[in-house]
């Protein structure tokens, strides 16, 4: 299935909703608006995981062949590479979490302590890892604070000003997980970092699949992310992507394992650790296979529909949701330029967690971060569901 035309309700009802019959049936009557948190799976996802697991029984160790498990891992890497606009699929390294990818990057620096610039808007996994490295004395982290307004935002100028000649690494999200802010002028941050001799990690978890993203055009050194949310790949299907110039430099990480060993399955013992060239040299020990089978259906689906197609349709739904809330005299954050934000809307609340729980009790699934309830429609969301969400929210308030 390849959709070249713009998405419409009729097309979605006719060709796309049937691909999600299992999850839609299981949650019939529920308005699911947490797609920014956990994406809804396709029916094929479960069939594909069962197929991958079945190879264990049918093939035993032959399941590792390029026709089966090894090939599926490379397919996963290739699909992520396409979304990132990378020509080399092996520049994508499978990981169980984005945090695991971040640690691999941090542990490729041998001089300690590292000087790192990051922001107060990073997701907990990156934030917690950076704080741990800082508290253990192996990193000095400079935190760029939010600018306070209706929505706390990270200003590009503040990040740029924090970068110094002694900076080793900049860690920043393309889209902030708590607010949906799309960070402007990432190119400038990368340019200034490189001018000062620093490398840059972009967390693309809330960007990939939300709008077209080119790691190559940006010039980012590393990207970390995963398929849990918009790419419908579930837990554990994450990655580290490495720019060609980093791979060409021969940079290595201490986070390694025998799958990074050259001629892995020949079991040759040398006196030195000789890794594969390129991204394979960043692999660790035995890879998780079923997460690749779990992720590839959603990745193929995203590429078949086209990220820009998805972007335009979902932005329309988010704007419809905001308008529905405003028409019901409900508080909702309305950006001046919706294009500068990710794929969800914010409702401010002094007790966002309790409000989100009350909504869930009445069949509207959202989540809360900070002082906001997050509402994230996806292409399966209907106008009727948006209207119901407004009605339930008004009652809950």
Protein backbone atom coordinates (compact mmCIF):
# COMPACT_ATOMS: atom_id res chain seq x y z
CA UNK A 1 0.00 0.00 0.00
CA UNK A 2 1.42 3.35 -1.07
CA UNK A 3 -0.63 6.50 -0.60
CA UNK A 4 0.45 9.28 -2.93
CA UNK A 5 -2.68 11.41 -2.52
CA UNK A 6 -3.49 13.55 0.53
CA UNK A 7 -5.14 11.63 3.36
CA UNK A 8 -8.89 12.00 3.68
CA UNK A 9 -11.47 10.61 6.08
CA UNK A 10 -12.95 8.39 3.36
CA UNK A 11 -9.54 6.99 2.43
CA UNK A 12 -8.70 6.32 6.07
CA UNK A 13 -12.04 4.62 6.73
CA UNK A 14 -11.73 2.51 3.60
CA UNK A 15 -8.05 1.52 3.54
CA UNK A 16 -6.37 2.33 6.86
CA UNK A 17 -8.75 1.63 9.73
CA UNK A 18 -9.10 -2.06 8.74
CA UNK A 19 -5.33 -2.40 9.32
CA UNK A 20 -5.90 -1.58 13.01
CA UNK A 21 -8.96 -3.74 13.70
CA UNK A 22 -7.53 -5.44 16.80
CA UNK A 23 -6.68 -2.31 18.79
CA UNK A 24 -9.80 -0.47 17.63
CA UNK A 25 -12.03 -3.35 18.69
CA UNK A 26 -10.28 -3.73 22.05
CA UNK A 27 -10.85 -0.05 22.84
CA UNK A 28 -14.19 0.53 21.15
CA UNK A 29 -15.96 3.43 22.84
CA UNK A 30 -12.70 4.93 24.13
CA UNK A 31 -11.32 8.20 22.77
CA UNK A 32 -7.58 7.55 22.57
CA UNK A 33 -5.67 10.82 22.54
CA UNK A 34 -2.31 9.61 23.85
CA UNK A 35 -0.82 8.72 20.47
CA UNK A 36 2.09 11.06 21.27
CA UNK A 37 2.93 8.68 24.12
CA UNK A 38 2.20 5.13 22.91
CA UNK A 39 1.26 4.69 19.27
CA UNK A 40 -1.52 2.29 18.31
CA UNK A 41 -0.27 -0.96 16.73
CA UNK A 42 -1.25 -2.49 13.41
CA UNK A 43 -2.78 -5.97 13.18
CA UNK A 44 0.23 -7.02 11.12
CA UNK A 45 2.55 -6.16 14.03
CA UNK A 46 1.37 -9.17 16.02
CA UNK A 47 1.47 -11.47 13.01
CA UNK A 48 5.00 -10.34 12.22
CA UNK A 49 6.25 -10.83 15.79
CA UNK A 50 4.70 -14.32 15.81
CA UNK A 51 6.45 -15.09 12.52
CA UNK A 52 9.82 -13.94 13.88
CA UNK A 53 9.37 -15.97 17.05
CA UNK A 54 8.23 -18.98 15.05
CA UNK A 55 11.56 -19.04 13.23
CA UNK A 56 13.15 -20.00 16.56
CA UNK A 57 11.23 -23.28 16.57
CA UNK A 58 11.42 -23.90 12.85
CA UNK A 59 15.03 -22.91 12.18
CA UNK A 60 16.79 -22.99 15.57
CA UNK A 61 20.24 -21.40 15.07
CA UNK A 62 19.63 -21.11 11.31
CA UNK A 63 17.15 -18.38 12.22
CA UNK A 64 20.18 -16.09 12.41
CA UNK A 65 20.56 -16.26 8.63
CA UNK A 66 20.41 -13.13 6.48
CA UNK A 67 17.10 -14.44 5.16
CA UNK A 68 15.59 -14.30 8.63
CA UNK A 69 16.73 -12.60 11.86
CA UNK A 70 19.88 -10.88 10.59
CA UNK A 71 17.97 -9.64 7.55
CA UNK A 72 15.14 -8.26 9.69
CA UNK A 73 17.60 -6.33 11.84
CA UNK A 74 19.13 -4.79 8.72
CA UNK A 75 15.65 -4.00 7.41
CA UNK A 76 14.84 -2.17 10.67
CA UNK A 77 18.06 -0.19 10.33
CA UNK A 78 17.31 0.62 6.69
CA UNK A 79 13.80 1.92 7.42
CA UNK A 80 15.06 4.20 10.19
CA UNK A 81 17.82 5.40 7.85
CA UNK A 82 15.19 6.32 5.24
CA UNK A 83 13.26 8.38 7.79
CA UNK A 84 16.46 10.14 8.84
CA UNK A 85 17.60 10.69 5.23
CA UNK A 86 20.75 8.60 5.69
CA UNK A 87 22.15 6.60 2.78
CA UNK A 88 23.88 3.94 4.91
CA UNK A 89 21.51 1.65 6.87
CA UNK A 90 24.41 0.45 9.00
CA UNK A 91 24.83 3.98 10.32
CA UNK A 92 21.73 3.14 12.37
CA UNK A 93 22.52 1.04 15.45
CA UNK A 94 19.62 -0.83 17.11
CA UNK A 95 19.21 -0.03 20.80
CA UNK A 96 16.69 -1.00 23.47
CA UNK A 97 16.23 2.63 24.50
CA UNK A 98 17.22 6.12 23.39
CA UNK A 99 19.06 6.41 26.71
CA UNK A 100 21.20 3.43 25.77
CA UNK A 101 22.15 5.29 22.60
CA UNK A 102 23.02 8.40 24.61
CA UNK A 103 25.27 6.40 26.95
CA UNK A 104 27.10 4.92 23.96
CA UNK A 105 27.82 8.47 22.76
CA UNK A 106 28.92 9.68 26.20
CA UNK A 107 31.20 6.67 26.53
CA UNK A 108 32.92 7.46 23.24
CA UNK A 109 34.62 10.40 24.99
CA UNK A 110 37.68 9.23 26.91
CA UNK A 111 38.71 12.56 28.44
CA UNK A 112 36.75 13.23 31.62
CA UNK A 113 34.96 15.14 32.87
CA UNK A 114 32.95 15.98 29.77
CA UNK A 115 31.56 19.47 29.31
CA UNK A 116 27.96 19.12 28.13
CA UNK A 117 25.29 21.65 27.21
CA UNK A 118 21.69 20.44 27.45
CA UNK A 119 18.27 21.86 28.31
CA UNK A 120 15.64 21.57 31.02
CA UNK A 121 13.23 20.34 28.35
CA UNK A 122 14.81 16.93 27.72
CA UNK A 123 12.91 13.71 28.37
CA UNK A 124 13.51 12.01 31.71
CA UNK A 125 15.76 9.26 30.33
CA UNK A 126 18.30 11.69 28.86
CA UNK A 127 17.85 14.09 31.76
CA UNK A 128 18.41 11.35 34.37
CA UNK A 129 21.48 9.94 32.60
CA UNK A 130 23.07 13.38 32.26
CA UNK A 131 22.37 14.18 35.92
CA UNK A 132 23.89 10.85 36.94
CA UNK A 133 27.06 11.50 34.91
CA UNK A 134 27.21 14.99 36.43
CA UNK A 135 26.75 13.75 40.00
CA UNK A 136 29.33 11.01 39.52
CA UNK A 137 31.87 13.61 38.45
CA UNK A 138 32.36 12.34 34.89
CA UNK A 139 30.50 15.25 33.28
CA UNK A 140 29.85 18.92 33.91
CA UNK A 141 26.40 19.71 32.54
CA UNK A 142 25.26 23.25 31.80
CA UNK A 143 21.47 23.30 31.80
CA UNK A 144 19.74 25.85 29.56
CA UNK A 145 16.61 27.01 31.37
CA UNK A 146 13.13 27.50 29.91
CA UNK A 147 11.89 30.95 29.09
CA UNK A 148 8.66 31.36 31.02
CA UNK A 149 5.49 32.25 29.14
CA UNK A 150 2.11 30.64 28.44
CA UNK A 151 4.20 27.59 27.60
CA UNK A 152 7.77 27.27 28.91
CA UNK A 153 10.03 27.28 25.84
CA UNK A 154 13.67 26.70 25.04
CA UNK A 155 15.20 29.60 23.12
CA UNK A 156 17.81 28.76 20.50
CA UNK A 157 19.80 31.88 21.41
CA UNK A 158 20.18 30.66 25.00
CA UNK A 159 21.56 27.34 23.79
CA UNK A 160 23.97 29.02 21.40
CA UNK A 161 25.22 31.36 24.13
CA UNK A 162 25.88 28.39 26.43
CA UNK A 163 28.25 26.74 23.94
CA UNK A 164 31.91 27.50 24.67
CA UNK A 165 35.28 26.39 23.24
CA UNK A 166 35.52 23.89 26.11
CA UNK A 167 32.12 22.33 25.27
CA UNK A 168 32.42 18.68 24.23
CA UNK A 169 28.81 17.78 23.52
CA UNK A 170 25.38 19.38 23.05
CA UNK A 171 22.29 17.26 23.77
CA UNK A 172 18.95 18.69 22.63
CA UNK A 173 15.57 17.48 21.40
CA UNK A 174 14.14 18.37 18.01
CA UNK A 175 10.69 18.51 19.67
CA UNK A 176 10.31 18.98 23.41
CA UNK A 177 8.43 16.04 24.92
CA UNK A 178 6.56 18.04 27.57
CA UNK A 179 5.24 20.88 25.45
CA UNK A 180 5.52 19.84 21.80
CA UNK A 181 7.75 22.83 21.03
CA UNK A 182 9.66 22.29 17.80
CA UNK A 183 13.11 23.74 18.47
CA UNK A 184 13.90 26.43 15.94
CA UNK A 185 17.24 26.86 14.18
CA UNK A 186 18.81 23.53 15.08
CA UNK A 187 21.19 24.23 12.19
CA UNK A 188 22.54 27.26 14.03
CA UNK A 189 23.08 25.26 17.22
CA UNK A 190 24.97 22.60 15.26
CA UNK A 191 27.03 25.16 13.35
CA UNK A 192 28.08 26.97 16.54
CA UNK A 193 28.83 23.68 18.30
CA UNK A 194 31.04 22.50 15.44
CA UNK A 195 32.80 25.85 15.30
CA UNK A 196 33.69 25.34 18.97
CA UNK A 197 34.82 21.75 18.43
CA UNK A 198 31.75 20.16 20.05
CA UNK A 199 29.55 17.32 18.76
CA UNK A 200 25.74 17.41 18.77
CA UNK A 201 23.15 14.79 19.71
CA UNK A 202 19.57 15.37 18.55
CA UNK A 203 16.81 13.47 20.36
CA UNK A 204 14.27 12.82 17.57
CA UNK A 205 11.80 10.71 19.57
CA UNK A 206 9.02 13.33 19.22
CA UNK A 207 10.05 14.39 15.72
CA UNK A 208 10.53 11.27 13.60
CA UNK A 209 7.29 10.41 11.87
CA UNK A 210 5.80 13.78 12.88
CA UNK A 211 7.42 15.87 10.14
CA UNK A 212 10.06 15.20 7.47
CA UNK A 213 13.46 15.17 9.15
CA UNK A 214 16.88 15.09 7.52
CA UNK A 215 19.84 14.31 9.73
CA UNK A 216 22.05 14.85 6.69
CA UNK A 217 20.77 18.36 5.93
CA UNK A 218 21.00 19.39 9.57
CA UNK A 219 24.54 18.13 9.92
CA UNK A 220 23.86 16.47 13.27
CA UNK A 221 26.58 14.14 14.54
CA UNK A 222 24.22 11.75 16.30
CA UNK A 223 20.48 11.14 16.60
CA UNK A 224 18.74 9.03 19.23
CA UNK A 225 15.12 7.97 19.23
CA UNK A 226 12.67 5.12 19.06
CA UNK A 227 9.48 3.72 17.57
CA UNK A 228 7.34 3.66 20.74
CA UNK A 229 5.24 6.67 19.78
CA UNK A 230 4.51 7.91 16.27
CA UNK A 231 6.19 5.01 14.47
CA UNK A 232 3.94 2.39 16.15
CA UNK A 233 6.79 0.06 17.03
CA UNK A 234 6.28 -0.47 20.75
CA UNK A 235 8.74 -0.65 23.60
CA UNK A 236 12.40 -1.50 23.04
CA UNK A 237 12.57 -0.61 19.33
CA UNK A 238 15.05 2.25 19.57
CA UNK A 239 18.18 3.39 17.79
CA UNK A 240 21.34 5.45 17.68
CA UNK A 241 22.15 7.03 14.30
CA UNK A 242 25.69 8.14 13.56
CA UNK A 243 26.77 10.64 10.90
CA UNK A 244 29.12 9.40 8.16
CA UNK A 245 31.95 11.72 9.22
CA UNK A 246 31.84 10.31 12.75
CA UNK A 247 32.01 6.75 11.40
CA UNK A 248 34.84 7.70 9.01
CA UNK A 249 36.81 9.15 11.92
CA UNK A 250 37.03 5.70 13.52
CA UNK A 251 35.44 6.92 16.74
CA UNK A 252 34.63 4.07 19.14
CA UNK A 253 32.60 3.64 22.29
CA UNK A 254 33.20 1.71 25.48
CA UNK A 255 29.60 0.45 25.21
CA UNK A 256 30.50 -2.52 23.06
CA UNK A 257 29.99 -6.25 22.75
CA UNK A 258 30.75 -9.23 20.59
CA UNK A 259 28.39 -8.25 17.76
CA UNK A 260 30.71 -5.28 17.19
CA UNK A 261 33.60 -7.70 16.74
CA UNK A 262 34.83 -8.06 13.16
CA UNK A 263 33.93 -11.44 11.61
CA UNK A 264 31.51 -11.97 14.49
CA UNK A 265 30.58 -15.59 13.87
CA UNK A 266 34.09 -16.82 12.98
CA UNK A 267 35.04 -16.74 16.69
CA UNK A 268 38.62 -15.70 15.95
CA UNK A 269 40.47 -14.70 19.15
CA UNK A 270 42.98 -11.90 18.69
CA UNK A 271 45.04 -10.08 21.29
CA UNK A 272 43.24 -6.82 20.47
CA UNK A 273 39.57 -5.93 20.09
CA UNK A 274 39.07 -5.33 16.38
CA UNK A 275 35.60 -3.95 15.60
CA UNK A 276 33.72 -3.83 12.33
CA UNK A 277 34.17 -0.64 10.36
CA UNK A 278 31.26 1.80 10.36
CA UNK A 279 28.09 1.53 12.40
CA UNK A 280 28.46 -2.20 13.02
CA UNK A 281 31.42 -1.31 15.23
CA UNK A 282 28.90 0.38 17.58
CA UNK A 283 26.80 -2.76 18.06
CA UNK A 284 26.82 -4.38 21.48
CA UNK A 285 26.19 -7.99 22.44
CA UNK A 286 23.47 -10.27 21.07
CA UNK A 287 20.80 -8.06 19.55
CA UNK A 288 17.13 -8.12 20.47
CA UNK A 289 15.47 -9.72 17.45
CA UNK A 290 11.75 -9.55 18.13
CA UNK A 291 11.81 -5.78 18.60
CA UNK A 292 12.86 -5.51 14.95
CA UNK A 293 9.88 -7.66 13.90
CA UNK A 294 7.74 -5.55 16.23
CA UNK A 295 8.85 -2.27 14.67
CA UNK A 296 9.13 -2.85 10.92
CA UNK A 297 5.36 -2.95 10.12
CA UNK A 298 4.84 0.52 11.64
CA UNK A 299 7.95 1.89 9.95
CA UNK A 300 6.84 0.57 6.56
CA UNK A 301 3.36 1.97 7.13
CA UNK A 302 4.76 5.43 7.94
CA UNK A 303 6.96 5.47 4.85
CA UNK A 304 4.15 4.18 2.62
CA UNK A 305 1.78 6.92 3.74
CA UNK A 306 4.48 9.56 3.62
CA UNK A 307 5.50 11.62 6.63
CA UNK A 308 4.38 14.89 5.05
CA UNK A 309 0.94 13.38 4.33
CA UNK A 310 0.65 12.27 7.95
CA UNK A 311 1.89 15.65 9.16
CA UNK A 312 -0.71 17.61 7.23
CA UNK A 313 -3.59 15.38 8.29
CA UNK A 314 -2.67 15.25 11.98
CA UNK A 315 -2.02 19.00 12.16
CA UNK A 316 -5.54 19.43 10.83
CA UNK A 317 -6.87 17.22 13.64
CA UNK A 318 -4.85 19.08 16.30
CA UNK A 319 -6.18 22.41 15.02
CA UNK A 320 -9.72 20.98 14.98
CA UNK A 321 -9.25 19.85 18.58
CA UNK A 322 -8.05 23.30 19.66
CA UNK A 323 -10.96 24.97 17.90
CA UNK A 324 -13.46 22.55 19.47
CA UNK A 325 -12.05 23.33 22.91
CA UNK A 326 -12.12 27.08 22.30
CA UNK A 327 -15.72 26.88 21.07
CA UNK A 328 -16.58 25.15 24.35
CA UNK A 329 -14.81 27.92 26.29
CA UNK A 330 -12.14 25.50 27.44
CA UNK A 331 -8.54 26.53 28.13
CA UNK A 332 -6.17 25.36 25.40
CA UNK A 333 -2.79 26.61 24.28
CA UNK A 334 -3.06 28.06 20.77
CA UNK A 335 0.32 28.61 19.08
CA UNK A 336 0.75 31.56 16.77
CA UNK A 337 2.25 29.16 14.21
CA UNK A 338 1.05 25.54 14.66
CA UNK A 339 3.75 24.41 12.18
CA UNK A 340 6.33 25.22 14.85
CA UNK A 341 4.90 22.60 17.18
CA UNK A 342 4.80 18.82 17.22
CA UNK A 343 1.75 16.59 17.10
CA UNK A 344 -0.19 17.29 20.27
CA UNK A 345 -2.13 20.08 22.00
CA UNK A 346 -1.86 21.32 25.57
CA UNK A 347 -4.55 22.15 28.12
CA UNK A 348 -3.14 24.00 31.15
CA UNK A 349 -4.17 22.78 34.59
CA UNK A 350 -3.03 23.38 38.17
CA UNK A 351 -3.47 19.64 38.75
CA UNK A 352 -2.88 18.11 35.33
CA UNK A 353 -2.37 14.54 36.57
CA UNK A 354 -5.73 14.47 38.37
CA UNK A 355 -7.51 16.03 35.39
CA UNK A 356 -6.02 13.44 33.05
CA UNK A 357 -7.17 10.68 35.40
CA UNK A 358 -10.74 12.09 35.49
CA UNK A 359 -10.79 12.18 31.69
CA UNK A 360 -9.63 8.55 31.56
CA UNK A 361 -12.41 7.53 33.94
CA UNK A 362 -14.86 8.92 31.38
CA UNK A 363 -13.28 7.22 28.39
CA UNK A 364 -10.91 9.91 27.13
CA UNK A 365 -7.27 8.78 27.34
CA UNK A 366 -4.66 11.53 27.65
CA UNK A 367 -1.59 12.08 29.83
CA UNK A 368 -0.07 14.88 31.87
CA UNK A 369 3.35 16.52 31.93
CA UNK A 370 4.11 19.44 34.23
CA UNK A 371 1.20 21.85 34.30
CA UNK A 372 -0.43 20.55 31.12
CA UNK A 373 -2.65 17.72 29.91
CA UNK A 374 -1.43 16.50 26.51
CA UNK A 375 -3.97 15.63 23.77
CA UNK A 376 -2.45 13.76 20.82
CA UNK A 377 -4.76 12.66 17.99
CA UNK A 378 -3.53 10.44 15.16
CA UNK A 379 -4.86 9.54 11.72
CA UNK A 380 -7.39 7.13 13.28
CA UNK A 381 -8.96 9.89 15.41
CA UNK A 382 -12.38 11.07 14.23
CA UNK A 383 -14.15 14.43 14.48
CA UNK A 384 -16.79 12.74 16.63
CA UNK A 385 -14.11 11.69 19.09
CA UNK A 386 -12.74 15.22 19.25
CA UNK A 387 -16.22 16.57 20.02
CA UNK A 388 -16.68 13.95 22.73
CA UNK A 389 -13.30 14.87 24.23
CA UNK A 390 -14.41 18.52 24.46
CA UNK A 391 -17.66 17.50 26.16
CA UNK A 392 -15.91 15.26 28.69
CA UNK A 393 -13.21 17.87 29.38
CA UNK A 394 -15.82 20.52 30.08
CA UNK A 395 -17.57 18.23 32.55
CA UNK A 396 -14.27 17.27 34.19
CA UNK A 397 -13.35 20.92 34.73
